[in-house]
Amino acid sequence: MMRPNSTCPRVAVIIPFFQRTRGLLADGVRSILAQTGVEGLEVIVVDDGSPIPAEQELQELLEASSGRIRIVKQPNSGPGAARNRGLDSVGPATEYVAFLDSDDRWEPTFLGDAVFALDQGYDVFFGNTTRFSLDGTRFSWSASPDLNLRVENHVPIDSAREVYSFQGDFFDFLVFRSSIISTSTLVFNFRKHSNLRFEEKLFNGQDRLFKLALGKGSTKAAFSPKVCAVEGEGVNIFDSSGWGSEKSIRLVANYIRLSKFILDRIEMNQAQQRHIHAQLDESRRAFAASMLHLLKNRVRIDVGIVRAAFRSDPATALLLLPNMGRIVIDKILPRRSGDATRDH
């Protein structure tokens, strides 16, 4: 196995960077440089037209990092394009690739545990995370116990490290619970998956499509239930788009496109396809509900986004009025039922 030298980093960490808050990027990079048990590390920061330039944020660290930090600049193109630019910048001899969002930070043992597992032939390693705004950890966020990750169902690789071999159908698990893996704690064998890229036509959810493609092409996955990273909020405006806001239409239209990309590009069995089709139907109904809310409250609707949604998915247009009708009926019937109950 090739070992690192001054010109051949063994592990590349890609950070897509677009921030208006100072200090977050530097904190994240410090957490990378503080990793234990890892040699041959390179940090690739893709400055995606950030209002705060990466060079300003990392000036002191650049001088002290002995060339381990590289900044790549591009016009603002979104996180998927930024991650792709980072992947394109990875050297051909690099063995493993990890990602870190610019407002997240790693715990010191994360990358060492990942390399330990990947060195034993695992294709993918992922770790648990916590987020400032949520209780619990990512492995336990699902309301359905079957979709949470429980270590007793898996085989320990190293008990002291708390590193486990995933048992069962990893791809199937990703179809139903892809959000269990944070992109910021995902490390994979780059030599095996060097052609894998993010879909730049999606402004949100590119990571889900990427993880499904990665899982489909992988045979062995390992993980750690330890909290390996703390996730921040950053400028993730899309996940915080308010219901009924102008942004919500764009967000729901994006989820429709995401489901269609998954169905078109990822080979799945019938149960998996049914699950994605159900999510697609739910997004189409959410599109109709959001349109109703905007119209009711006389909020401006971006006609261009609506037209684009109809072009990419004609069924959204065909089902718009029927879905609106069902939503209105569902709102009326419970009220009538409640009135009847009170009359008795």
C-alpha atoms as a PDB file:
ATOM      1  CA  MET A   1       0.000   0.000   0.000  1.00  0.00           C
ATOM      2  CA  MET A   2       1.294   3.424  -0.938  1.00  0.00           C
ATOM      3  CA  ARG A   3       2.358   5.569   1.988  1.00  0.00           C
ATOM      4  CA  PRO A   4       2.319   9.353   2.093  1.00  0.00           C
ATOM      5  CA  ASN A   5       5.185  11.608   1.219  1.00  0.00           C
ATOM      6  CA  SER A   6       5.554  15.344   0.787  1.00  0.00           C
ATOM      7  CA  THR A   7       4.083  15.299  -2.719  1.00  0.00           C
ATOM      8  CA  CYS A   8       1.521  12.537  -2.328  1.00  0.00           C
ATOM      9  CA  PRO A   9      -1.196  13.145   0.276  1.00  0.00           C
ATOM     10  CA  ARG A  10      -2.913   9.973   1.368  1.00  0.00           C
ATOM     11  CA  VAL A  11      -6.163  11.567   2.526  1.00  0.00           C
ATOM     12  CA  ALA A  12      -7.849  14.614   0.998  1.00  0.00           C
ATOM     13  CA  VAL A  13     -10.481  16.584   2.906  1.00  0.00           C
ATOM     14  CA  ILE A  14     -12.734  18.744   0.718  1.00  0.00           C
ATOM     15  CA  ILE A  15     -14.470  21.823   2.142  1.00  0.00           C
ATOM     16  CA  PRO A  16     -16.987  23.737  -0.008  1.00  0.00           C
ATOM     17  CA  PHE A  17     -16.850  27.303   1.282  1.00  0.00           C
ATOM     18  CA  PHE A  18     -19.459  30.042   1.075  1.00  0.00           C
ATOM     19  CA  GLN A  19     -19.932  31.959   4.310  1.00  0.00           C
ATOM     20  CA  ARG A  20     -20.964  35.327   5.671  1.00  0.00           C
ATOM     21  CA  THR A  21     -19.951  34.441   9.235  1.00  0.00           C
ATOM     22  CA  ARG A  22     -16.309  34.839  10.178  1.00  0.00           C
ATOM     23  CA  GLY A  23     -14.364  32.214  12.070  1.00  0.00           C
ATOM     24  CA  LEU A  24     -16.328  29.102  11.107  1.00  0.00           C
ATOM     25  CA  LEU A  25     -13.964  27.943   8.372  1.00  0.00           C
ATOM     26  CA  ALA A  26     -10.872  28.425  10.516  1.00  0.00           C
ATOM     27  CA  ASP A  27     -12.457  26.402  13.337  1.00  0.00           C
ATOM     28  CA  GLY A  28     -13.285  23.586  10.934  1.00  0.00           C
ATOM     29  CA  VAL A  29      -9.803  23.494   9.417  1.00  0.00           C
ATOM     30  CA  ARG A  30      -8.219  23.515  12.871  1.00  0.00           C
ATOM     31  CA  SER A  31     -10.289  20.455  13.735  1.00  0.00           C
ATOM     32  CA  ILE A  32      -8.878  18.720  10.646  1.00  0.00           C
ATOM     33  CA  LEU A  33      -5.278  19.613  11.432  1.00  0.00           C
ATOM     34  CA  ALA A  34      -5.813  18.366  15.005  1.00  0.00           C
ATOM     35  CA  GLN A  35      -6.712  14.828  13.860  1.00  0.00           C
ATOM     36  CA  THR A  36      -4.702  12.097  15.555  1.00  0.00           C
ATOM     37  CA  GLY A  37      -3.221   8.981  13.986  1.00  0.00           C
ATOM     38  CA  VAL A  38      -3.311  10.257  10.392  1.00  0.00           C
ATOM     39  CA  GLU A  39      -0.412  11.124   8.119  1.00  0.00           C
ATOM     40  CA  GLY A  40      -0.340  12.447   4.577  1.00  0.00           C
ATOM     41  CA  LEU A  41      -3.300  14.805   4.995  1.00  0.00           C
ATOM     42  CA  GLU A  42      -4.350  17.515   2.530  1.00  0.00           C
ATOM     43  CA  VAL A  43      -7.152  20.058   2.973  1.00  0.00           C
ATOM     44  CA  ILE A  44      -8.752  21.361  -0.236  1.00  0.00           C
ATOM     45  CA  VAL A  45     -10.899  24.439   0.385  1.00  0.00           C
ATOM     46  CA  VAL A  46     -13.065  25.392  -2.583  1.00  0.00           C
ATOM     47  CA  ASP A  47     -13.907  29.082  -2.286  1.00  0.00           C
ATOM     48  CA  ASP A  48     -17.289  29.158  -4.012  1.00  0.00           C
ATOM     49  CA  GLY A  49     -17.371  32.922  -4.510  1.00  0.00           C
ATOM     50  CA  SER A  50     -17.671  33.376  -0.745  1.00  0.00           C
ATOM     51  CA  PRO A  51     -18.469  36.890   0.574  1.00  0.00           C
ATOM     52  CA  ILE A  52     -15.695  36.260   3.098  1.00  0.00           C
ATOM     53  CA  PRO A  53     -12.679  35.026   1.078  1.00  0.00           C
ATOM     54  CA  ALA A  54     -11.128  31.767   2.240  1.00  0.00           C
ATOM     55  CA  GLU A  55      -7.650  33.289   2.094  1.00  0.00           C
ATOM     56  CA  GLN A  56      -8.638  35.901   4.670  1.00  0.00           C
ATOM     57  CA  GLU A  57     -10.162  33.297   6.946  1.00  0.00           C
ATOM     58  CA  LEU A  58      -7.174  30.972   6.779  1.00  0.00           C
ATOM     59  CA  GLN A  59      -4.250  33.378   6.566  1.00  0.00           C
ATOM     60  CA  GLU A  60      -2.601  32.286   9.815  1.00  0.00           C
ATOM     61  CA  LEU A  61      -3.307  28.594   9.235  1.00  0.00           C
ATOM     62  CA  LEU A  62      -1.924  28.737   5.694  1.00  0.00           C
ATOM     63  CA  GLU A  63       1.381  30.003   7.016  1.00  0.00           C
ATOM     64  CA  ALA A  64       1.578  27.333   9.711  1.00  0.00           C
ATOM     65  CA  SER A  65       0.213  24.309   7.834  1.00  0.00           C
ATOM     66  CA  SER A  66       3.372  23.356   5.900  1.00  0.00           C
ATOM     67  CA  GLY A  67       1.513  23.304   2.602  1.00  0.00           C
ATOM     68  CA  ARG A  68      -1.266  21.001   3.789  1.00  0.00           C
ATOM     69  CA  ILE A  69      -4.000  23.522   2.924  1.00  0.00           C
ATOM     70  CA  ARG A  70      -4.842  24.307  -0.689  1.00  0.00           C
ATOM     71  CA  ILE A  71      -7.410  26.912  -1.764  1.00  0.00           C
ATOM     72  CA  VAL A  72      -9.220  26.562  -5.084  1.00  0.00           C
ATOM     73  CA  LYS A  73     -11.363  29.494  -6.251  1.00  0.00           C
ATOM     74  CA  GLN A  74     -14.432  29.518  -8.477  1.00  0.00           C
ATOM     75  CA  PRO A  75     -17.492  31.734  -9.110  1.00  0.00           C
ATOM     76  CA  ASN A  76     -20.454  30.912  -6.888  1.00  0.00           C
ATOM     77  CA  SER A  77     -21.940  27.675  -8.246  1.00  0.00           C
ATOM     78  CA  GLY A  78     -23.418  25.921  -5.209  1.00  0.00           C
ATOM     79  CA  PRO A  79     -22.164  23.233  -2.803  1.00  0.00           C
ATOM     80  CA  GLY A  80     -22.434  20.363  -5.296  1.00  0.00           C
ATOM     81  CA  ALA A  81     -20.294  22.137  -7.881  1.00  0.00           C
ATOM     82  CA  ALA A  82     -17.830  23.166  -5.164  1.00  0.00           C
ATOM     83  CA  ARG A  83     -17.453  19.586  -3.953  1.00  0.00           C
ATOM     84  CA  ASN A  84     -16.999  18.438  -7.551  1.00  0.00           C
ATOM     85  CA  ARG A  85     -14.268  21.022  -8.061  1.00  0.00           C
ATOM     86  CA  GLY A  86     -12.601  19.637  -4.964  1.00  0.00           C
ATOM     87  CA  LEU A  87     -12.895  16.063  -6.250  1.00  0.00           C
ATOM     88  CA  ASP A  88     -11.415  17.160  -9.574  1.00  0.00           C
ATOM     89  CA  SER A  89      -8.478  18.628  -7.634  1.00  0.00           C
ATOM     90  CA  VAL A  90      -7.655  15.427  -5.748  1.00  0.00           C
ATOM     91  CA  GLY A  91      -4.368  13.874  -6.805  1.00  0.00           C
ATOM     92  CA  PRO A  92      -4.483  10.484  -8.573  1.00  0.00           C
ATOM     93  CA  ALA A  93      -2.418   8.816  -5.844  1.00  0.00           C
ATOM     94  CA  THR A  94      -4.743   9.894  -3.021  1.00  0.00           C
ATOM     95  CA  GLU A  95      -6.382   6.889  -1.390  1.00  0.00           C
ATOM     96  CA  TYR A  96      -9.246   8.323   0.641  1.00  0.00           C
ATOM     97  CA  VAL A  97     -11.506  11.380   0.438  1.00  0.00           C
ATOM     98  CA  ALA A  98     -13.557  13.034   3.166  1.00  0.00           C
ATOM     99  CA  PHE A  99     -15.833  16.071   3.206  1.00  0.00           C
ATOM    100  CA  LEU A 100     -16.371  18.735   5.837  1.00  0.00           C
ATOM    101  CA  ASP A 101     -18.926  21.527   5.619  1.00  0.00           C
ATOM    102  CA  SER A 102     -17.391  24.869   6.483  1.00  0.00           C
ATOM    103  CA  ASP A 103     -19.508  25.341   9.618  1.00  0.00           C
ATOM    104  CA  ASP A 104     -18.880  21.844  11.024  1.00  0.00           C
ATOM    105  CA  ARG A 105     -15.957  20.523  13.027  1.00  0.00           C
ATOM    106  CA  TRP A 106     -14.501  17.081  13.675  1.00  0.00           C
ATOM    107  CA  GLU A 107     -13.648  15.353  16.923  1.00  0.00           C
ATOM    108  CA  PRO A 108      -9.906  14.484  17.080  1.00  0.00           C
ATOM    109  CA  THR A 109     -10.155  10.698  16.540  1.00  0.00           C
ATOM    110  CA  PHE A 110     -12.589  10.703  13.606  1.00  0.00           C
ATOM    111  CA  LEU A 111     -10.232  10.542  10.648  1.00  0.00           C
ATOM    112  CA  GLY A 112      -7.892   8.082  12.351  1.00  0.00           C
ATOM    113  CA  ASP A 113     -10.822   5.717  12.932  1.00  0.00           C
ATOM    114  CA  ALA A 114     -11.928   6.135   9.313  1.00  0.00           C
ATOM    115  CA  VAL A 115      -8.490   5.360   7.884  1.00  0.00           C
ATOM    116  CA  PHE A 116      -8.197   2.389  10.259  1.00  0.00           C
ATOM    117  CA  ALA A 117     -11.399   0.893   8.813  1.00  0.00           C
ATOM    118  CA  LEU A 118     -10.690   1.723   5.173  1.00  0.00           C
ATOM    119  CA  ASP A 119      -7.211   0.213   5.452  1.00  0.00           C
ATOM    120  CA  GLN A 120      -8.924  -3.107   6.231  1.00  0.00           C
ATOM    121  CA  GLY A 121     -10.784  -3.114   2.937  1.00  0.00           C
ATOM    122  CA  TYR A 122     -13.959  -1.214   3.750  1.00  0.00           C
ATOM    123  CA  ASP A 123     -15.235   1.021   0.965  1.00  0.00           C
ATOM    124  CA  VAL A 124     -17.049   3.547   3.136  1.00  0.00           C
ATOM    125  CA  PHE A 125     -16.775   4.828   6.692  1.00  0.00           C
ATOM    126  CA  PHE A 126     -19.226   7.141   8.423  1.00  0.00           C
ATOM    127  CA  GLY A 127     -19.561   8.521  11.922  1.00  0.00           C
ATOM    128  CA  ASN A 128     -22.271   9.793  14.204  1.00  0.00           C
ATOM    129  CA  THR A 129     -22.885  13.531  14.643  1.00  0.00           C
ATOM    130  CA  THR A 130     -24.745  15.996  16.781  1.00  0.00           C
ATOM    131  CA  ARG A 131     -26.159  19.386  15.855  1.00  0.00           C
ATOM    132  CA  PHE A 132     -26.428  22.489  18.014  1.00  0.00           C
ATOM    133  CA  SER A 133     -30.123  22.974  17.270  1.00  0.00           C
ATOM    134  CA  LEU A 134     -31.289  19.365  17.789  1.00  0.00           C
ATOM    135  CA  ASP A 135     -31.394  16.920  20.682  1.00  0.00           C
ATOM    136  CA  GLY A 136     -29.741  13.515  20.415  1.00  0.00           C
ATOM    137  CA  THR A 137     -27.515  12.334  17.589  1.00  0.00           C
ATOM    138  CA  ARG A 138     -28.000  11.682  13.892  1.00  0.00           C
ATOM    139  CA  PHE A 139     -28.075   7.912  14.454  1.00  0.00           C
ATOM    140  CA  SER A 140     -31.213   8.285  16.606  1.00  0.00           C
ATOM    141  CA  TRP A 141     -33.157  11.083  14.887  1.00  0.00           C
ATOM    142  CA  SER A 142     -35.728   8.847  13.201  1.00  0.00           C
ATOM    143  CA  ALA A 143     -39.104   8.404  14.899  1.00  0.00           C
ATOM    144  CA  SER A 144     -39.052   4.791  13.675  1.00  0.00           C
ATOM    145  CA  PRO A 145     -36.726   2.633  15.833  1.00  0.00           C
ATOM    146  CA  ASP A 146     -36.065   0.316  12.886  1.00  0.00           C
ATOM    147  CA  LEU A 147     -34.438   3.181  10.988  1.00  0.00           C
ATOM    148  CA  ASN A 148     -32.047   4.133  13.774  1.00  0.00           C
ATOM    149  CA  LEU A 149     -28.576   2.622  13.898  1.00  0.00           C
ATOM    150  CA  ARG A 150     -28.050   0.306  16.868  1.00  0.00           C
ATOM    151  CA  VAL A 151     -24.584  -1.132  17.466  1.00  0.00           C
ATOM    152  CA  GLU A 152     -25.931  -4.426  18.846  1.00  0.00           C
ATOM    153  CA  ASN A 153     -27.052  -5.308  15.318  1.00  0.00           C
ATOM    154  CA  HIS A 154     -23.525  -4.974  13.922  1.00  0.00           C
ATOM    155  CA  VAL A 155     -20.085  -6.534  14.406  1.00  0.00           C
ATOM    156  CA  PRO A 156     -17.275  -4.684  16.198  1.00  0.00           C
ATOM    157  CA  ILE A 157     -14.041  -4.288  14.242  1.00  0.00           C
ATOM    158  CA  ASP A 158     -12.229  -2.637  17.132  1.00  0.00           C
ATOM    159  CA  SER A 159     -14.080  -2.281  20.431  1.00  0.00           C
ATOM    160  CA  ALA A 160     -11.609   0.210  21.876  1.00  0.00           C
ATOM    161  CA  ARG A 161     -12.057   2.516  18.891  1.00  0.00           C
ATOM    162  CA  GLU A 162     -15.819   1.816  18.770  1.00  0.00           C
ATOM    163  CA  VAL A 163     -15.601   0.990  15.076  1.00  0.00           C
ATOM    164  CA  TYR A 164     -18.166  -1.448  13.665  1.00  0.00           C
ATOM    165  CA  SER A 165     -18.743  -3.405  10.480  1.00  0.00           C
ATOM    166  CA  PHE A 166     -22.192  -2.628   9.063  1.00  0.00           C
ATOM    167  CA  GLN A 167     -24.284  -5.798   8.803  1.00  0.00           C
ATOM    168  CA  GLY A 168     -27.109  -6.225   6.320  1.00  0.00           C
ATOM    169  CA  ASP A 169     -27.951  -4.462   3.086  1.00  0.00           C
ATOM    170  CA  PHE A 170     -26.152  -1.119   3.342  1.00  0.00           C
ATOM    171  CA  PHE A 171     -27.668   0.249   0.142  1.00  0.00           C
ATOM    172  CA  ASP A 172     -31.192  -0.661   1.246  1.00  0.00           C
ATOM    173  CA  PHE A 173     -30.553   1.107   4.534  1.00  0.00           C
ATOM    174  CA  LEU A 174     -29.455   4.225   2.635  1.00  0.00           C
ATOM    175  CA  VAL A 175     -32.596   4.237   0.499  1.00  0.00           C
ATOM    176  CA  PHE A 176     -34.814   4.401   3.568  1.00  0.00           C
ATOM    177  CA  ARG A 177     -32.495   6.386   5.864  1.00  0.00           C
ATOM    178  CA  SER A 178     -29.818   8.202   3.829  1.00  0.00           C
ATOM    179  CA  SER A 179     -29.952  11.141   6.238  1.00  0.00           C
ATOM    180  CA  ILE A 180     -28.311   8.967   8.872  1.00  0.00           C
ATOM    181  CA  ILE A 181     -24.983   9.803   7.218  1.00  0.00           C
ATOM    182  CA  SER A 182     -23.763  13.365   7.429  1.00  0.00           C
ATOM    183  CA  THR A 183     -21.614  14.344   4.461  1.00  0.00           C
ATOM    184  CA  SER A 184     -19.214  15.795   7.038  1.00  0.00           C
ATOM    185  CA  THR A 185     -18.516  12.344   8.492  1.00  0.00           C
ATOM    186  CA  LEU A 186     -18.347  10.411   5.229  1.00  0.00           C
ATOM    187  CA  VAL A 187     -14.983   9.008   4.121  1.00  0.00           C
ATOM    188  CA  PHE A 188     -14.630   6.716   1.118  1.00  0.00           C
ATOM    189  CA  ASN A 189     -12.131   4.842  -1.013  1.00  0.00           C
ATOM    190  CA  PHE A 190     -11.345   7.390  -3.711  1.00  0.00           C
ATOM    191  CA  ARG A 191      -9.445   4.938  -5.900  1.00  0.00           C
ATOM    192  CA  LYS A 192     -12.543   2.767  -6.204  1.00  0.00           C
ATOM    193  CA  HIS A 193     -14.964   5.689  -6.660  1.00  0.00           C
ATOM    194  CA  SER A 194     -12.825   8.327  -8.375  1.00  0.00           C
ATOM    195  CA  ASN A 195     -15.466   9.018 -11.048  1.00  0.00           C
ATOM    196  CA  LEU A 196     -18.314   9.677  -8.617  1.00  0.00           C
ATOM    197  CA  ARG A 197     -19.588  13.275  -8.609  1.00  0.00           C
ATOM    198  CA  PHE A 198     -22.429  15.401  -7.184  1.00  0.00           C
ATOM    199  CA  GLU A 199     -25.399  16.390  -9.360  1.00  0.00           C
ATOM    200  CA  GLU A 200     -25.026  20.127  -9.938  1.00  0.00           C
ATOM    201  CA  LYS A 201     -28.594  20.570 -11.214  1.00  0.00           C
ATOM    202  CA  LEU A 202     -29.814  20.079  -7.643  1.00  0.00           C
ATOM    203  CA  PHE A 203     -29.262  22.931  -5.193  1.00  0.00           C
ATOM    204  CA  ASN A 204     -30.231  20.766  -2.237  1.00  0.00           C
ATOM    205  CA  GLY A 205     -30.163  16.998  -1.748  1.00  0.00           C
ATOM    206  CA  GLN A 206     -27.148  16.371  -4.011  1.00  0.00           C
ATOM    207  CA  ASP A 207     -25.557  14.589  -1.082  1.00  0.00           C
ATOM    208  CA  ARG A 208     -28.405  12.051  -0.938  1.00  0.00           C
ATOM    209  CA  LEU A 209     -27.995  11.118  -4.593  1.00  0.00           C
ATOM    210  CA  PHE A 210     -24.222  10.920  -4.096  1.00  0.00           C
ATOM    211  CA  LYS A 211     -24.555   8.667  -1.047  1.00  0.00           C
ATOM    212  CA  LEU A 212     -26.948   6.332  -2.842  1.00  0.00           C
ATOM    213  CA  ALA A 213     -24.583   6.002  -5.800  1.00  0.00           C
ATOM    214  CA  LEU A 214     -21.689   5.423  -3.403  1.00  0.00           C
ATOM    215  CA  GLY A 215     -23.642   2.817  -1.448  1.00  0.00           C
ATOM    216  CA  LYS A 216     -24.719   1.049  -4.630  1.00  0.00           C
ATOM    217  CA  GLY A 217     -21.103   0.676  -5.698  1.00  0.00           C
ATOM    218  CA  SER A 218     -19.767  -0.410  -2.305  1.00  0.00           C
ATOM    219  CA  THR A 219     -19.562  -3.880  -0.807  1.00  0.00           C
ATOM    220  CA  LYS A 220     -18.388  -3.147   2.758  1.00  0.00           C
ATOM    221  CA  ALA A 221     -19.226  -0.256   5.083  1.00  0.00           C
ATOM    222  CA  ALA A 222     -17.946   0.588   8.550  1.00  0.00           C
ATOM    223  CA  PHE A 223     -19.108   3.150  11.073  1.00  0.00           C
ATOM    224  CA  SER A 224     -18.616   4.560  14.547  1.00  0.00           C
ATOM    225  CA  PRO A 225     -21.474   5.409  16.930  1.00  0.00           C
ATOM    226  CA  LYS A 226     -19.258   7.966  18.664  1.00  0.00           C
ATOM    227  CA  VAL A 227     -20.040  11.620  18.041  1.00  0.00           C
ATOM    228  CA  CYS A 228     -17.418  12.256  15.377  1.00  0.00           C
ATOM    229  CA  ALA A 229     -18.497  15.765  14.396  1.00  0.00           C
ATOM    230  CA  VAL A 230     -20.536  18.719  15.566  1.00  0.00           C
ATOM    231  CA  GLU A 231     -22.713  20.166  12.818  1.00  0.00           C
ATOM    232  CA  GLY A 232     -23.456  23.867  12.642  1.00  0.00           C
ATOM    233  CA  GLU A 233     -26.180  25.833  10.904  1.00  0.00           C
ATOM    234  CA  GLY A 234     -24.085  28.043   8.620  1.00  0.00           C
ATOM    235  CA  VAL A 235     -25.938  29.478   5.632  1.00  0.00           C
ATOM    236  CA  ASN A 236     -28.098  26.445   4.909  1.00  0.00           C
ATOM    237  CA  ILE A 237     -31.039  28.668   3.932  1.00  0.00           C
ATOM    238  CA  PHE A 238     -32.774  25.925   1.978  1.00  0.00           C
ATOM    239  CA  ASP A 239     -33.426  23.627   4.918  1.00  0.00           C
ATOM    240  CA  SER A 240     -34.746  26.643   6.829  1.00  0.00           C
ATOM    241  CA  SER A 241     -37.064  27.864   4.077  1.00  0.00           C
ATOM    242  CA  GLY A 242     -40.259  28.871   5.831  1.00  0.00           C
ATOM    243  CA  TRP A 243     -43.478  27.113   4.875  1.00  0.00           C
ATOM    244  CA  GLY A 244     -45.420  29.245   2.456  1.00  0.00           C
ATOM    245  CA  SER A 245     -42.450  31.468   1.694  1.00  0.00           C
ATOM    246  CA  GLU A 246     -41.318  32.166  -1.836  1.00  0.00           C
ATOM    247  CA  LYS A 247     -38.305  29.920  -1.199  1.00  0.00           C
ATOM    248  CA  SER A 248     -40.478  26.934  -0.277  1.00  0.00           C
ATOM    249  CA  ILE A 249     -41.689  26.479  -3.863  1.00  0.00           C
ATOM    250  CA  ARG A 250     -38.115  26.205  -5.089  1.00  0.00           C
ATOM    251  CA  LEU A 251     -37.234  23.782  -2.309  1.00  0.00           C
ATOM    252  CA  VAL A 252     -40.167  21.442  -3.007  1.00  0.00           C
ATOM    253  CA  ALA A 253     -39.530  21.597  -6.768  1.00  0.00           C
ATOM    254  CA  ASN A 254     -35.949  20.563  -6.034  1.00  0.00           C
ATOM    255  CA  TYR A 255     -37.127  17.544  -4.012  1.00  0.00           C
ATOM    256  CA  ILE A 256     -39.335  16.489  -6.924  1.00  0.00           C
ATOM    257  CA  ARG A 257     -36.324  16.607  -9.216  1.00  0.00           C
ATOM    258  CA  LEU A 258     -34.212  14.720  -6.658  1.00  0.00           C
ATOM    259  CA  SER A 259     -36.690  11.822  -6.490  1.00  0.00           C
ATOM    260  CA  LYS A 260     -36.800  11.626 -10.278  1.00  0.00           C
ATOM    261  CA  PHE A 261     -33.000  11.597 -10.489  1.00  0.00           C
ATOM    262  CA  ILE A 262     -32.897   8.721  -7.998  1.00  0.00           C
ATOM    263  CA  LEU A 263     -35.493   6.727  -9.937  1.00  0.00           C
ATOM    264  CA  ASP A 264     -33.768   7.373 -13.268  1.00  0.00           C
ATOM    265  CA  ARG A 265     -30.169   6.776 -12.208  1.00  0.00           C
ATOM    266  CA  ILE A 266     -30.080   4.316  -9.320  1.00  0.00           C
ATOM    267  CA  GLU A 267     -30.939   0.658  -9.812  1.00  0.00           C
ATOM    268  CA  MET A 268     -33.369  -0.424  -7.085  1.00  0.00           C
ATOM    269  CA  ASN A 269     -35.681  -3.299  -6.252  1.00  0.00           C
ATOM    270  CA  GLN A 270     -39.468  -2.882  -6.236  1.00  0.00           C
ATOM    271  CA  ALA A 271     -39.760  -2.034  -2.540  1.00  0.00           C
ATOM    272  CA  GLN A 272     -37.074   0.620  -2.844  1.00  0.00           C
ATOM    273  CA  GLN A 273     -38.711   2.080  -5.943  1.00  0.00           C
ATOM    274  CA  ARG A 274     -42.074   2.224  -4.165  1.00  0.00           C
ATOM    275  CA  HIS A 275     -40.463   4.166  -1.330  1.00  0.00           C
ATOM    276  CA  ILE A 276     -38.959   6.757  -3.675  1.00  0.00           C
ATOM    277  CA  HIS A 277     -42.207   6.979  -5.663  1.00  0.00           C
ATOM    278  CA  ALA A 278     -44.047   7.656  -2.397  1.00  0.00           C
ATOM    279  CA  GLN A 279     -41.601  10.456  -1.625  1.00  0.00           C
ATOM    280  CA  LEU A 280     -42.109  11.842  -5.125  1.00  0.00           C
ATOM    281  CA  ASP A 281     -45.893  11.824  -4.656  1.00  0.00           C
ATOM    282  CA  GLU A 282     -45.490  13.513  -1.284  1.00  0.00           C
ATOM    283  CA  SER A 283     -43.328  16.246  -2.840  1.00  0.00           C
ATOM    284  CA  ARG A 284     -45.914  16.811  -5.583  1.00  0.00           C
ATOM    285  CA  ARG A 285     -48.603  17.250  -2.929  1.00  0.00           C
ATOM    286  CA  ALA A 286     -46.316  19.575  -0.977  1.00  0.00           C
ATOM    287  CA  PHE A 287     -45.834  21.637  -4.141  1.00  0.00           C
ATOM    288  CA  ALA A 288     -49.610  22.015  -4.482  1.00  0.00           C
ATOM    289  CA  ALA A 289     -49.982  22.846  -0.784  1.00  0.00           C
ATOM    290  CA  SER A 290     -47.276  25.482  -0.984  1.00  0.00           C
ATOM    291  CA  MET A 291     -48.912  27.024  -4.056  1.00  0.00           C
ATOM    292  CA  LEU A 292     -52.247  27.160  -2.221  1.00  0.00           C
ATOM    293  CA  HIS A 293     -50.659  28.805   0.794  1.00  0.00           C
ATOM    294  CA  LEU A 294     -48.902  31.428  -1.319  1.00  0.00           C
ATOM    295  CA  LEU A 295     -52.069  32.220  -3.257  1.00  0.00           C
ATOM    296  CA  LYS A 296     -54.167  32.435  -0.103  1.00  0.00           C
ATOM    297  CA  ASN A 297     -51.708  34.825   1.535  1.00  0.00           C
ATOM    298  CA  ARG A 298     -51.037  36.751  -1.669  1.00  0.00           C
ATOM    299  CA  VAL A 299     -47.331  36.021  -1.535  1.00  0.00           C
ATOM    300  CA  ARG A 300     -45.447  36.536  -4.776  1.00  0.00           C
ATOM    301  CA  ILE A 301     -44.934  33.325  -6.770  1.00  0.00           C
ATOM    302  CA  ASP A 302     -41.893  32.998  -8.996  1.00  0.00           C
ATOM    303  CA  VAL A 303     -43.506  31.906 -12.255  1.00  0.00           C
ATOM    304  CA  GLY A 304     -40.129  30.859 -13.635  1.00  0.00           C
ATOM    305  CA  ILE A 305     -39.675  28.290 -10.864  1.00  0.00           C
ATOM    306  CA  VAL A 306     -43.189  26.943 -11.433  1.00  0.00           C
ATOM    307  CA  ARG A 307     -42.636  26.614 -15.178  1.00  0.00           C
ATOM    308  CA  ALA A 308     -39.300  24.884 -14.624  1.00  0.00           C
ATOM    309  CA  ALA A 309     -40.953  22.446 -12.203  1.00  0.00           C
ATOM    310  CA  PHE A 310     -43.657  21.648 -14.746  1.00  0.00           C
ATOM    311  CA  ARG A 311     -41.094  21.121 -17.518  1.00  0.00           C
ATOM    312  CA  SER A 312     -38.936  18.779 -15.465  1.00  0.00           C
ATOM    313  CA  ASP A 313     -41.948  16.859 -14.125  1.00  0.00           C
ATOM    314  CA  PRO A 314     -45.169  17.198 -16.185  1.00  0.00           C
ATOM    315  CA  ALA A 315     -46.996  15.076 -13.595  1.00  0.00           C
ATOM    316  CA  THR A 316     -46.607  17.934 -11.108  1.00  0.00           C
ATOM    317  CA  ALA A 317     -48.614  20.123 -13.498  1.00  0.00           C
ATOM    318  CA  LEU A 318     -51.203  17.423 -14.244  1.00  0.00           C
ATOM    319  CA  LEU A 319     -51.736  16.671 -10.561  1.00  0.00           C
ATOM    320  CA  LEU A 320     -51.656  20.270  -9.335  1.00  0.00           C
ATOM    321  CA  LEU A 321     -55.414  20.913  -9.351  1.00  0.00           C
ATOM    322  CA  PRO A 322     -56.380  17.408  -8.112  1.00  0.00           C
ATOM    323  CA  ASN A 323     -53.851  17.705  -5.281  1.00  0.00           C
ATOM    324  CA  MET A 324     -55.123  21.168  -4.406  1.00  0.00           C
ATOM    325  CA  GLY A 325     -58.670  19.809  -4.336  1.00  0.00           C
ATOM    326  CA  ARG A 326     -57.717  16.972  -1.996  1.00  0.00           C
ATOM    327  CA  ILE A 327     -55.905  19.383   0.318  1.00  0.00           C
ATOM    328  CA  VAL A 328     -58.944  21.663   0.528  1.00  0.00           C
ATOM    329  CA  ILE A 329     -61.299  18.725   1.130  1.00  0.00           C
ATOM    330  CA  ASP A 330     -59.001  17.310   3.826  1.00  0.00           C
ATOM    331  CA  LYS A 331     -59.103  20.675   5.592  1.00  0.00           C
ATOM    332  CA  ILE A 332     -62.891  20.982   5.366  1.00  0.00           C
ATOM    333  CA  LEU A 333     -63.911  17.449   6.391  1.00  0.00           C
ATOM    334  CA  PRO A 334     -62.201  17.430   9.818  1.00  0.00           C
ATOM    335  CA  ARG A 335     -63.892  20.747  10.646  1.00  0.00           C
ATOM    336  CA  ARG A 336     -67.320  19.380   9.716  1.00  0.00           C
ATOM    337  CA  SER A 337     -66.644  16.245  11.703  1.00  0.00           C
ATOM    338  CA  GLY A 338     -65.705  18.366  14.699  1.00  0.00           C
ATOM    339  CA  ASP A 339     -68.854  20.476  14.348  1.00  0.00           C
ATOM    340  CA  ALA A 340     -70.999  17.329  14.213  1.00  0.00           C
ATOM    341  CA  THR A 341     -69.366  16.028  17.372  1.00  0.00           C
ATOM    342  CA  ARG A 342     -70.049  19.274  19.212  1.00  0.00           C
ATOM    343  CA  ASP A 343     -73.734  19.212  18.095  1.00  0.00           C
ATOM    344  CA  HIS A 344     -74.210  15.909  19.908  1.00  0.00           C
END
